[in-house]
Protein backbone atom coordinates (compact mmCIF):
# COMPACT_ATOMS: atom_id res chain seq x y z
CA MET A 1 78.68 141.53 57.52
CA LEU A 2 78.96 138.01 56.88
CA GLN A 3 82.43 136.50 56.92
CA LYS A 4 83.72 132.94 56.55
CA LEU A 5 86.71 132.25 58.88
CA SER A 6 88.36 129.00 59.58
CA ILE A 7 87.86 127.45 62.73
CA ASP A 8 91.78 128.62 64.47
CA GLN A 9 90.44 132.22 63.75
CA LEU A 10 87.19 132.09 65.54
CA GLN A 11 87.28 134.26 68.71
CA PRO A 12 84.86 134.27 71.93
CA GLY A 13 82.17 136.72 71.44
CA MET A 14 81.92 136.25 67.90
CA PHE A 15 78.53 135.55 66.34
CA VAL A 16 78.54 132.27 64.02
CA ASN A 17 75.92 132.16 61.94
CA ASN A 18 76.33 128.82 59.85
CA VAL A 19 79.01 126.27 59.63
CA THR A 20 80.30 125.69 56.42
CA LYS A 21 82.89 123.13 56.44
CA GLN A 22 83.46 119.79 58.68
CA ASN A 23 84.58 116.58 59.03
CA GLY A 24 81.93 114.11 60.55
CA SER A 25 77.98 114.87 60.79
CA VAL A 26 77.90 116.90 64.40
CA GLN A 27 75.82 119.98 63.04
CA VAL A 28 75.22 123.58 65.10
CA LYS A 29 71.55 123.36 65.76
CA ASN A 30 70.83 127.39 65.84
CA GLN A 31 72.91 130.37 65.20
CA GLY A 32 74.77 132.15 68.36
CA TRP A 33 77.47 133.37 69.91
CA VAL A 34 80.16 131.31 70.84
CA ARG A 35 80.75 132.15 75.09
CA THR A 36 84.34 130.76 75.64
CA GLN A 37 87.54 129.34 73.94
CA SER A 38 86.41 126.02 75.75
CA SER A 39 83.34 126.40 73.54
CA ILE A 40 85.68 126.45 70.38
CA ASN A 41 87.70 123.86 71.69
CA ASN A 42 84.51 121.65 71.56
CA LEU A 43 83.85 122.70 68.14
CA ILE A 44 87.26 121.98 66.55
CA LYS A 45 86.98 118.35 68.71
CA ALA A 46 83.56 117.87 66.54
CA GLY A 47 85.27 118.21 63.31
CA ILE A 48 84.32 121.31 62.30
CA LEU A 49 86.77 123.52 59.93
CA GLU A 50 85.11 126.54 58.85
CA VAL A 51 82.54 128.82 60.14
CA GLU A 52 80.42 131.77 58.82
CA ILE A 53 80.38 134.43 61.00
CA ASP A 54 78.33 137.92 61.37
CA SER A 55 80.95 140.39 61.83
CA SER A 56 78.47 143.22 62.72
CA LYS A 57 77.46 141.24 65.63
CA THR A 58 80.21 140.77 67.51
CA ILE A 59 80.27 141.48 71.09
CA ILE A 60 83.30 143.97 72.39
CA GLU A 61 84.68 142.85 75.39
CA LYS A 62 83.82 144.83 78.49
CA THR A 63 86.37 146.80 80.62
CA ASN A 64 86.73 144.27 83.49
CA ASN A 65 87.91 141.63 80.49
CA GLN A 66 84.99 140.10 80.74
CA THR A 67 82.96 139.08 77.64
CA GLU A 68 79.33 139.82 77.71
CA VAL A 69 77.30 137.03 76.51
CA GLU A 70 73.74 136.98 74.95
CA GLU A 71 71.70 134.33 73.48
CA PRO A 72 74.91 131.89 73.53
CA ILE A 73 75.64 129.52 70.51
CA ASN A 74 73.50 126.06 70.92
CA GLU A 75 76.35 123.60 69.76
CA ALA A 76 75.67 119.89 69.35
CA PRO A 77 78.71 117.92 70.39
CA TYR A 78 80.98 115.85 68.87
CA ASP A 79 79.53 112.65 67.23
CA PRO A 80 80.83 109.60 69.32
CA THR A 81 80.73 107.63 66.39
CA TYR A 82 83.38 110.08 64.85
CA ALA A 83 86.77 108.93 64.88
CA SER A 84 89.88 110.65 63.03
CA VAL A 85 91.66 107.45 62.54
CA SER A 86 90.77 103.95 62.34
CA LEU A 87 91.44 101.32 65.02
CA ASP A 88 94.12 99.67 63.20
CA LYS A 89 96.21 102.88 63.10
CA GLU A 90 95.45 103.60 66.87
CA ILE A 91 95.18 100.24 68.41
CA ASN A 92 99.32 100.08 68.61
CA LYS A 93 99.59 103.52 69.59
CA ALA A 94 96.81 102.68 72.59
CA LYS A 95 98.86 99.32 73.31
CA LYS A 96 102.09 101.20 73.91
CA LEU A 97 99.97 104.12 76.06
CA TYR A 98 98.56 101.50 77.87
CA LYS A 99 102.45 100.09 78.90
CA GLU A 100 103.26 103.64 79.67
CA ALA A 101 100.37 103.79 82.19
CA LYS A 102 101.57 100.29 83.98
CA ASP A 103 105.15 101.57 84.28
CA LEU A 104 104.28 104.56 85.83
CA GLN A 105 101.92 102.84 88.49
CA THR A 106 104.69 100.44 89.14
CA LYS A 107 107.12 103.54 89.88
CA ALA A 108 104.69 105.22 91.89
CA PHE A 109 103.87 102.23 94.38
CA LYS A 110 107.70 101.75 94.83
CA SER A 111 107.81 105.50 95.39
CA ILE A 112 105.03 105.02 98.39
CA LYS A 113 106.84 102.26 99.89
CA ALA A 114 109.59 103.94 99.85
CA GLY A 115 108.46 106.70 101.93
CA ARG A 116 108.56 109.16 99.12
CA LYS A 117 105.57 111.25 97.41
CA VAL A 118 104.34 110.06 94.24
CA GLU A 119 104.86 112.68 91.17
CA ILE A 120 101.61 113.99 89.90
CA ALA A 121 103.21 115.39 86.57
CA PRO A 122 103.78 112.03 84.82
CA PHE A 123 100.15 111.26 85.69
CA LYS A 124 98.66 114.28 84.25
CA GLU A 125 100.84 113.79 80.83
CA VAL A 126 99.27 110.27 80.60
CA ALA A 127 95.67 111.68 81.28
CA ASN A 128 96.21 113.84 78.63
CA SER A 129 97.18 111.23 76.12
CA PHE A 130 94.61 109.18 76.86
CA ILE A 131 92.41 111.80 76.17
CA ASP A 132 93.95 112.17 72.84
CA SER A 133 93.67 108.71 71.89
CA VAL A 134 89.95 108.51 72.87
CA PHE A 135 89.14 111.51 70.64
CA ARG A 136 91.04 110.09 67.75
CA ASN A 137 89.28 106.49 68.28
CA GLN A 138 87.82 105.29 71.90
CA ASP A 139 87.77 101.74 70.39
CA ALA A 140 91.40 101.72 70.49
CA LEU A 141 91.81 102.01 74.18
CA ALA A 142 88.67 100.51 75.23
CA CYS A 143 89.59 97.20 73.50
CA ILE A 144 93.39 97.50 75.41
CA THR A 145 91.33 97.44 78.91
CA ARG A 146 89.78 94.33 77.92
CA ILE A 147 92.99 92.39 77.73
CA ARG A 148 93.67 91.78 81.36
CA GLU A 149 96.97 90.15 82.49
CA LYS A 150 96.87 87.52 85.53
CA ASP A 151 97.60 89.19 88.82
CA ALA A 152 98.00 92.46 87.61
CA TYR A 153 94.52 93.75 88.87
CA LEU A 154 95.86 96.64 91.14
CA LEU A 155 97.75 97.75 88.16
CA GLU A 156 95.59 97.68 85.20
CA HIS A 157 92.02 98.31 87.41
CA SER A 158 92.92 102.04 87.76
CA ILE A 159 94.31 102.54 84.10
CA ASN A 160 90.99 100.96 83.28
CA VAL A 161 89.17 103.08 85.13
CA SER A 162 91.03 106.13 83.89
CA VAL A 163 90.34 105.21 80.20
CA LEU A 164 86.33 104.45 80.68
CA MET A 165 86.04 107.44 82.63
CA THR A 166 87.50 109.48 79.79
CA ILE A 167 85.22 107.90 77.19
CA PHE A 168 82.02 108.24 79.48
CA ALA A 169 83.06 111.95 80.18
CA LYS A 170 83.29 112.68 76.51
CA HIS A 171 80.26 110.89 76.05
CA LEU A 172 78.78 113.14 78.35
CA HIS A 173 80.33 116.49 76.55
CA LEU A 174 82.14 117.69 79.37
CA ASP A 175 85.09 119.92 78.67
CA ARG A 176 88.36 118.77 78.08
CA GLU A 177 90.03 120.72 81.50
CA ILE A 178 86.97 118.49 83.24
CA ILE A 179 87.96 115.38 81.53
CA HIS A 180 91.52 115.48 82.35
CA GLU A 181 90.82 116.12 86.01
CA LEU A 182 88.49 112.82 85.84
CA ALA A 183 91.23 110.93 83.94
CA THR A 184 94.23 112.00 86.03
CA GLY A 185 91.89 111.31 89.54
CA ALA A 186 90.75 108.15 88.15
CA LEU A 187 94.38 106.87 87.57
CA LEU A 188 95.31 107.32 91.22
CA HIS A 189 92.23 106.53 92.79
CA ASP A 190 93.27 103.49 94.14
CA ILE A 191 96.75 104.64 95.15
CA GLY A 192 96.23 104.43 98.78
CA LYS A 193 95.78 100.50 98.47
CA ILE A 194 99.60 100.25 98.54
CA LYS A 195 99.62 100.84 102.12
CA ILE A 196 97.35 98.18 102.89
CA GLU A 197 99.14 95.17 103.87
CA ASP A 198 99.56 92.60 101.30
CA GLU A 199 97.69 89.67 103.42
CA ILE A 200 94.31 91.96 103.48
CA LEU A 201 94.53 93.34 99.87
CA ASN A 202 95.36 89.93 98.21
CA LYS A 203 93.15 87.85 100.69
CA PRO A 204 90.92 85.39 98.69
CA GLY A 205 88.51 84.64 101.70
CA LYS A 206 86.14 86.83 103.61
CA PHE A 207 87.47 89.94 105.43
CA THR A 208 87.03 90.06 109.21
CA ASP A 209 85.44 92.91 110.48
CA SER A 210 88.74 94.63 111.48
CA GLU A 211 90.48 93.55 107.79
CA PHE A 212 87.37 95.23 106.08
CA ASP A 213 87.45 98.33 108.42
CA GLU A 214 91.32 98.64 107.32
CA MET A 215 90.47 98.00 103.70
CA LYS A 216 87.75 100.71 103.60
CA ASN A 217 90.62 103.18 104.57
CA HIS A 218 92.00 103.16 101.19
CA ALA A 219 90.03 105.74 99.79
CA LEU A 220 90.99 107.87 102.58
CA TYR A 221 95.00 107.03 101.95
CA SER A 222 94.20 107.63 98.45
CA LYS A 223 92.79 111.31 99.40
CA GLU A 224 95.38 111.85 101.81
CA THR A 225 98.66 110.89 99.40
CA LEU A 226 97.37 112.77 96.93
CA GLU A 227 96.57 115.92 99.10
CA GLU A 228 100.38 115.55 100.44
CA ALA A 229 101.63 115.27 96.52
CA GLY A 230 100.00 118.64 95.77
CA LEU A 231 97.14 117.80 93.70
CA SER A 232 93.73 119.28 94.58
CA GLY A 233 90.09 119.57 93.06
CA ILE A 234 87.99 117.31 90.90
CA ALA A 235 90.94 114.73 90.59
CA VAL A 236 91.16 114.42 94.59
CA GLU A 237 87.61 114.07 94.87
CA ILE A 238 86.76 111.16 92.67
CA ALA A 239 90.01 109.23 94.87
CA GLY A 240 88.85 110.32 97.86
CA TYR A 241 85.20 109.21 97.46
CA HIS A 242 84.86 106.62 94.81
CA HIS A 243 83.14 104.40 97.59
CA GLU A 244 80.60 106.46 98.64
CA ARG A 245 76.64 105.75 97.83
CA LEU A 246 73.81 107.81 97.04
CA ASP A 247 72.16 105.88 100.20
CA GLY A 248 74.81 106.78 102.47
CA ASN A 249 76.40 102.93 103.32
CA GLY A 250 79.31 103.90 101.18
CA TYR A 251 82.79 104.02 103.03
CA PRO A 252 84.89 105.99 104.26
CA TYR A 253 82.68 108.88 104.83
CA GLY A 254 79.22 108.02 104.61
CA LEU A 255 77.96 110.51 102.09
CA LYS A 256 74.75 110.76 101.17
CA GLY A 257 72.53 111.74 98.30
CA ASP A 258 73.35 115.53 96.78
CA GLU A 259 76.19 115.58 98.88
CA ILE A 260 77.82 113.08 96.31
CA SER A 261 78.77 115.12 93.35
CA GLN A 262 77.92 114.34 89.57
CA TYR A 263 81.95 113.34 89.19
CA VAL A 264 82.13 110.75 91.96
CA ARG A 265 78.92 108.87 90.68
CA MET A 266 80.34 108.32 87.73
CA ILE A 267 83.70 107.14 88.70
CA SER A 268 81.60 105.08 91.38
CA ILE A 269 79.66 103.30 88.47
CA VAL A 270 82.96 102.78 86.28
CA ASP A 271 84.99 101.75 89.22
CA VAL A 272 82.61 98.55 89.91
CA TYR A 273 82.05 98.02 86.54
CA ASP A 274 85.79 97.42 85.97
CA ALA A 275 85.82 95.34 89.21
CA LEU A 276 83.25 93.11 88.05
CA THR A 277 84.39 92.20 84.45
CA ALA A 278 87.93 91.43 85.83
CA LYS A 279 89.22 88.34 87.02
CA ARG A 280 90.55 87.98 90.42
CA VAL A 281 92.09 85.30 92.93
CA TYR A 282 88.86 85.07 94.33
CA LYS A 283 86.51 85.51 91.65
CA ASN A 284 86.19 85.00 87.80
CA ASP A 285 85.32 87.77 85.76
CA MET A 286 81.90 87.98 84.41
CA PRO A 287 80.54 89.53 81.07
CA PRO A 288 79.83 93.20 80.69
CA ILE A 289 76.13 92.75 80.22
CA LYS A 290 75.73 90.94 83.43
CA ALA A 291 78.05 93.35 85.44
CA PHE A 292 75.30 96.18 83.78
CA LYS A 293 72.49 94.19 85.40
CA ILE A 294 74.38 94.01 88.94
CA LEU A 295 74.71 97.83 88.82
CA LYS A 296 71.10 98.38 87.38
CA LYS A 297 69.88 95.75 90.49
CA ASP A 298 71.73 98.21 92.80
CA THR A 299 70.11 101.47 91.26
CA PRO A 300 68.87 103.97 92.36
CA ALA A 301 69.73 102.66 95.86
CA CYS A 302 73.26 103.26 95.28
CA PHE A 303 74.22 104.58 91.93
CA ASP A 304 72.72 107.49 89.41
CA GLU A 305 70.05 105.90 87.51
CA VAL A 306 70.37 108.51 84.59
CA LEU A 307 74.26 108.62 84.44
CA LEU A 308 74.21 104.54 84.58
CA ASN A 309 72.36 104.39 81.76
CA LYS A 310 74.47 106.97 80.15
CA PHE A 311 77.42 104.94 80.78
CA ILE A 312 75.95 101.63 79.12
CA ALA A 313 74.96 103.73 76.20
CA CYS A 314 78.74 105.13 75.80
CA ILE A 315 80.31 101.88 76.30
CA GLY A 316 77.68 99.75 74.50
CA VAL A 317 75.61 96.06 75.70
CA HIS A 318 78.35 94.39 73.98
CA PRO A 319 81.77 96.63 74.57
CA VAL A 320 84.42 96.52 72.12
CA GLY A 321 86.66 93.54 73.14
CA THR A 322 83.68 91.43 73.96
CA LEU A 323 83.89 87.94 72.59
CA VAL A 324 80.43 87.15 71.41
CA LYS A 325 78.60 84.07 69.72
CA LEU A 326 76.11 84.78 66.66
CA THR A 327 73.22 83.30 65.75
CA SER A 328 75.24 81.27 62.83
CA GLN A 329 77.17 80.04 65.71
CA LYS A 330 80.40 81.80 65.23
CA LEU A 331 82.73 83.44 67.39
CA GLY A 332 84.09 86.86 67.03
CA ILE A 333 85.23 89.87 68.98
CA VAL A 334 83.53 93.20 68.87
CA SER A 335 85.91 95.67 66.87
CA LYS A 336 83.82 98.80 66.93
CA SER A 337 80.85 100.29 68.61
CA ASN A 338 77.41 101.12 67.08
CA PHE A 339 75.66 103.98 69.33
CA GLN A 340 72.87 103.82 66.75
CA ASN A 341 72.06 100.20 67.29
CA PRO A 342 74.09 98.78 70.20
CA LEU A 343 73.24 95.44 69.19
CA LYS A 344 74.60 95.46 65.95
CA PRO A 345 78.42 96.63 66.42
CA CYS A 346 81.21 95.26 63.79
CA VAL A 347 82.42 92.06 64.75
CA LYS A 348 85.47 90.61 63.94
CA LEU A 349 84.89 86.50 63.34
CA PHE A 350 87.75 84.03 63.64
CA TYR A 351 86.18 80.61 65.25
CA SER A 352 83.15 78.04 64.27
CA ALA A 353 81.67 76.89 67.63
CA LYS A 354 79.40 74.64 65.71
CA HIS A 355 82.93 73.11 64.32
CA HIS A 356 85.06 74.04 67.26
CA HIS A 357 87.94 75.47 65.06
CA HIS A 358 89.18 78.73 64.14
CA THR A 359 88.32 80.07 60.85
CA GLU A 360 89.75 82.88 58.63
CA VAL A 361 89.19 86.48 60.14
CA LYS A 362 86.38 88.24 58.81
CA ASP A 363 85.34 91.24 59.74
CA ILE A 364 81.33 92.27 59.30
CA ASP A 365 78.75 94.98 60.16
CA LEU A 366 75.69 93.67 61.99
CA SER A 367 73.96 96.98 61.06
CA LYS A 368 74.45 96.12 57.24
CA LYS A 369 71.09 95.51 55.78
CA SER A 370 72.77 92.49 53.81
CA CYS A 371 73.92 91.25 57.14
CA THR A 372 71.46 88.63 58.40
CA ASP A 373 73.95 87.42 61.50
CA GLU A 374 72.85 88.72 65.02
CA ILE A 375 74.40 88.61 68.37
CA GLU A 376 73.27 85.63 70.42
CA ASN A 377 75.08 86.27 73.36
CA SER A 378 78.56 87.44 75.08
CA VAL A 379 80.84 84.12 75.79
CA LYS A 380 83.63 83.02 77.78
CA PRO A 381 86.96 82.21 75.58
CA GLU A 382 87.64 78.98 78.55
CA ASP A 383 84.09 77.69 77.03
CA PHE A 384 85.77 77.24 73.77
CA ASN A 385 89.10 76.30 75.07
CA ILE A 386 90.22 79.94 73.17
CA GLU A 387 93.44 81.36 73.89
CA LEU A 388 91.93 85.03 73.27
CA MET A 389 95.09 86.94 74.77
CA HIS A 390 97.00 84.92 71.90
CA PHE A 391 94.23 86.44 68.95
CA PHE A 392 94.27 89.66 70.42
CA LYS A 393 98.04 89.89 70.09
CA THR A 394 98.06 88.37 66.54
CA VAL A 395 95.32 90.04 64.98
CA PHE A 396 94.52 92.91 66.95
CA LEU A 397 97.96 94.07 68.12
CA ASN A 398 100.19 93.57 64.83
């Protein structure tokens, strides 16, 4: 018998005949049974509000409390372009959350230096908040990761990697429980660096062999620190192995090929990407598109090619927060991703490169048929004497 149920009434073992009400554009590809509560959660995340079930096909739980599953439902995961709130509404929440994460990192570093164990629970809470924000509108936190403060790399890098890992995992349609472990582990993946002497950690020149050997131990220190604090599973795995490489030339364990899990392969990509696009005491930052080229060059020797392509797809050729120059010689910041056409995102224009002066802020969607402008290339703000931080704070962070 056919019956309509709100999504919160759907139970594992029920046969979904059709989706009858939803937000967004995600569709269930075919009929079938929902296997687990996790599958139902994915439908909720996709914006599905109501379904039609065939109650005559409901699977009765077996005596061992395991639901017998046949012909599982083939759900199309959420639409990555869908956002339940606007960037304007989410951006200030994201800013506040980012600051809380930085404060937490600072507190944790002080605890470790004082010989105390790091408290894991607050990091798990921040990871949950990251996930909630990303699912509301991933562009908000993605934009915040592009606003870097001078000399704050150690604090900001782990936070950025956690945000990007959350977005990446969302794009891969992983279960929330897995995303939470990835976000938590990424937040803590460089915690071992606090045990490295500052002279080595902040050295602007080339390491000596002994200094490099010590620097390579930071992943080992991260793993030990988290295990001592009671953390385990995927979170510890990605913290301890994030510098391993497919060809076996990574560190500190020299893992190779199939010894390296999908989750470690993911963080190895994200970790290097964020490091390349950051400004350090010994190097300038580089545009995301150049960082992608470097990662591509080291693939498949070091990085998983399939995962790298998926990461580029979910972050975008010109990620949110990137300063770009259009063919009209106007400068703007990418303000919204376009997953269907990554070369045509939404851009917030504010400067004339031709006349070298600020202009009235204007939002344009490069994918509109009426729009004849397009991105020429990404640029650095210092090339035009632009105070990008000031623009972010006055326009994005109201």
